[in-house]
Amino acid sequence: MFGTESAGGSSAGNGGLLTLSLSRYIAASDTLIMPKEIKEIKDFLLTARRKDARAVKIIKLKDKTKFKVRCQRYLYTLVVDDGEKADKLRQSLPPGLTVTDIKKKK
């Protein structure tokens, strides 16, 4: 899985300690993976119904509600400005998902 190599070329000079060669993993992590924003409620519901969807966080702010669904690879977000639409969306989430409500005072 990880390539190992000695730090100084020989293990006798550094007390036998090995360092991990992570160059291929560091190159992949240079670009940060940002959450994917979904603009439509229908698309968000389809994403929440996928097999790899694990949990939904609902963050209620003063003037808007944010929905975040965690899938295997990405975190998908939806921002709803209307409170009634947010309540309807909350009720139409799949029953198998773990739903966490978070209230913030912003």
Protein backbone atom coordinates (compact mmCIF):
# COMPACT_ATOMS: atom_id res chain seq x y z
CA MET A 1 0.00 0.00 0.00
CA PHE A 2 2.61 2.59 1.07
CA GLY A 3 6.09 2.61 -0.36
CA THR A 4 8.79 2.63 2.31
CA GLU A 5 12.27 3.94 1.98
CA SER A 6 14.93 4.91 4.47
CA ALA A 7 15.37 8.59 5.25
CA GLY A 8 19.11 8.82 4.61
CA GLY A 9 19.62 6.08 2.08
CA SER A 10 20.77 3.53 4.66
CA SER A 11 18.95 2.41 7.75
CA ALA A 12 22.14 2.30 9.87
CA GLY A 13 22.65 6.07 9.82
CA ASN A 14 19.23 7.00 11.19
CA GLY A 15 18.72 4.32 13.82
CA GLY A 16 16.65 2.07 11.56
CA LEU A 17 13.68 4.42 11.27
CA LEU A 18 11.68 4.23 8.08
CA THR A 19 9.74 7.05 6.53
CA LEU A 20 6.69 6.66 4.36
CA SER A 21 6.83 7.83 0.79
CA LEU A 22 3.62 9.80 0.40
CA SER A 23 4.45 11.73 -2.74
CA ARG A 24 1.63 10.23 -4.78
CA TYR A 25 -0.89 10.96 -2.01
CA ILE A 26 0.30 14.52 -1.45
CA ALA A 27 -0.01 15.32 -5.15
CA ALA A 28 -3.63 14.19 -5.09
CA SER A 29 -4.41 16.31 -2.03
CA ASP A 30 -3.04 19.56 -3.49
CA THR A 31 -6.51 20.37 -4.78
CA LEU A 32 -9.13 20.52 -2.05
CA ILE A 33 -12.40 18.77 -2.75
CA MET A 34 -15.15 21.30 -2.15
CA PRO A 35 -18.78 20.45 -1.42
CA LYS A 36 -21.06 20.33 -4.45
CA GLU A 37 -23.93 22.81 -4.43
CA ILE A 38 -27.29 21.69 -5.75
CA LYS A 39 -29.66 24.43 -6.92
CA GLU A 40 -32.91 22.43 -7.36
CA ILE A 41 -34.91 20.74 -4.60
CA LYS A 42 -35.80 17.83 -6.89
CA ASP A 43 -32.12 17.14 -7.62
CA PHE A 44 -31.34 17.27 -3.89
CA LEU A 45 -34.06 14.71 -3.13
CA LEU A 46 -32.72 12.40 -5.83
CA THR A 47 -29.25 12.71 -4.30
CA ALA A 48 -30.61 12.01 -0.80
CA ARG A 49 -32.30 8.84 -2.09
CA ARG A 50 -29.07 7.40 -3.50
CA LYS A 51 -27.65 4.22 -1.97
CA ASP A 52 -24.46 5.91 -0.80
CA ALA A 53 -26.24 8.77 1.05
CA ARG A 54 -25.50 8.37 4.75
CA ALA A 55 -26.68 11.41 6.70
CA VAL A 56 -28.38 14.79 6.34
CA LYS A 57 -27.58 17.87 8.41
CA ILE A 58 -30.16 20.66 8.51
CA ILE A 59 -28.79 24.03 9.57
CA LYS A 60 -31.45 26.62 10.37
CA LEU A 61 -30.35 30.22 10.16
CA LYS A 62 -32.49 33.31 10.68
CA ASP A 63 -33.39 33.84 7.02
CA LYS A 64 -32.49 30.54 5.31
CA THR A 65 -32.09 26.81 5.83
CA LYS A 66 -29.13 24.77 4.62
CA PHE A 67 -29.42 21.07 3.83
CA LYS A 68 -26.25 19.01 3.60
CA VAL A 69 -26.29 15.37 2.52
CA ARG A 70 -23.17 13.24 2.99
CA CYS A 71 -22.58 10.75 0.22
CA GLN A 72 -19.61 8.46 -0.31
CA ARG A 73 -17.41 10.90 -2.19
CA TYR A 74 -18.93 14.38 -1.87
CA LEU A 75 -20.94 16.51 0.49
CA TYR A 76 -23.89 18.01 -1.39
CA THR A 77 -25.51 21.23 -0.17
CA LEU A 78 -28.79 23.02 -0.84
CA VAL A 79 -29.81 26.44 0.48
CA VAL A 80 -33.54 27.17 0.81
CA ASP A 81 -34.74 30.71 1.57
CA ASP A 82 -38.43 29.84 2.08
CA GLY A 83 -39.30 28.33 5.47
CA GLU A 84 -42.35 26.44 4.21
CA LYS A 85 -40.36 24.80 1.43
CA ALA A 86 -37.70 23.84 3.96
CA ASP A 87 -40.32 22.16 6.18
CA LYS A 88 -41.77 20.24 3.22
CA LEU A 89 -38.29 19.16 2.15
CA ARG A 90 -37.54 18.02 5.70
CA GLN A 91 -40.66 15.83 5.69
CA SER A 92 -39.90 14.32 2.29
CA LEU A 93 -36.39 13.09 3.17
CA PRO A 94 -35.98 9.30 3.06
CA PRO A 95 -36.70 7.65 6.44
CA GLY A 96 -33.49 5.59 6.46
CA LEU A 97 -31.17 8.62 6.63
CA THR A 98 -29.74 9.98 9.85
CA VAL A 99 -31.05 13.54 10.19
CA THR A 100 -29.31 16.06 12.45
CA ASP A 101 -30.88 19.47 13.17
CA ILE A 102 -28.53 22.35 13.97
CA LYS A 103 -29.75 25.81 14.98
CA LYS A 104 -27.50 28.84 14.57
CA LYS A 105 -28.17 32.45 15.49
CA LYS A 106 -26.78 34.24 12.44
